Amino acid sequence: MILFLLLVLVAVILGIIGFAVHGLFFLLVIGAVVLVVDLAYAGIRLGRGGRKRIAR
């Protein structure tokens, strides 16, 4: 959970810097990519976490 929140924070900071500073639009794009990857990672982790494995 800490990794998820840290990556969201990094994505927001990169997005703000990329939007505010002229010529650093690529930081906004990188921030968006980090956010999408982070949300996908969280979705996969939450989807996998609900299943219980059967011991044989």
Protein backbone atom coordinates (compact mmCIF):
# COMPACT_ATOMS: atom_id res chain seq x y z
CA MET A 1 0.00 0.00 0.00
CA ILE A 2 2.89 2.34 0.72
CA LEU A 3 4.34 1.68 -2.73
CA PHE A 4 0.98 2.51 -4.33
CA LEU A 5 0.67 5.81 -2.47
CA LEU A 6 4.28 6.73 -3.17
CA LEU A 7 3.87 6.13 -6.90
CA VAL A 8 0.63 8.15 -6.98
CA LEU A 9 2.45 11.01 -5.23
CA VAL A 10 5.34 10.83 -7.71
CA ALA A 11 2.89 10.83 -10.64
CA VAL A 12 1.08 13.88 -9.30
CA ILE A 13 4.31 15.79 -8.67
CA LEU A 14 5.64 14.99 -12.15
CA GLY A 15 2.33 16.02 -13.66
CA ILE A 16 2.30 19.36 -11.85
CA ILE A 17 5.89 20.13 -12.81
CA GLY A 18 5.26 19.07 -16.41
CA PHE A 19 2.17 21.27 -16.63
CA ALA A 20 3.65 24.33 -14.91
CA VAL A 21 7.12 24.52 -16.48
CA HIS A 22 7.24 25.47 -20.13
CA GLY A 23 9.08 22.89 -22.22
CA LEU A 24 8.77 20.00 -19.76
CA PHE A 25 5.61 18.46 -21.20
CA PHE A 26 7.35 15.07 -21.22
CA LEU A 27 7.21 15.07 -17.39
CA LEU A 28 3.43 15.34 -17.58
CA VAL A 29 3.38 12.36 -19.93
CA ILE A 30 5.71 10.36 -17.69
CA GLY A 31 3.53 11.20 -14.68
CA ALA A 32 0.43 9.96 -16.52
CA VAL A 33 2.19 6.74 -17.52
CA VAL A 34 3.36 6.13 -13.93
CA LEU A 35 -0.20 6.69 -12.69
CA VAL A 36 -1.69 4.25 -15.21
CA VAL A 37 0.92 1.58 -14.42
CA ASP A 38 0.36 2.08 -10.70
CA LEU A 39 -3.42 1.72 -11.02
CA ALA A 40 -2.99 -1.42 -13.14
CA TYR A 41 -0.62 -2.87 -10.53
CA ALA A 42 -3.10 -2.11 -7.75
CA GLY A 43 -5.94 -3.67 -9.74
CA ILE A 44 -4.00 -6.85 -10.39
CA ARG A 45 -2.90 -7.09 -6.77
CA LEU A 46 -6.44 -6.57 -5.42
CA GLY A 47 -7.90 -9.03 -7.92
CA ARG A 48 -5.44 -11.73 -6.96
CA GLY A 49 -5.68 -11.17 -3.22
CA GLY A 50 -9.26 -12.44 -2.78
CA ARG A 51 -8.61 -16.02 -3.85
CA LYS A 52 -7.62 -18.66 -1.36
CA ARG A 53 -5.40 -21.52 -2.39
CA ILE A 54 -6.41 -25.04 -1.61
CA ALA A 55 -3.74 -27.12 0.08
CA ARG A 56 -3.34 -30.64 -1.27
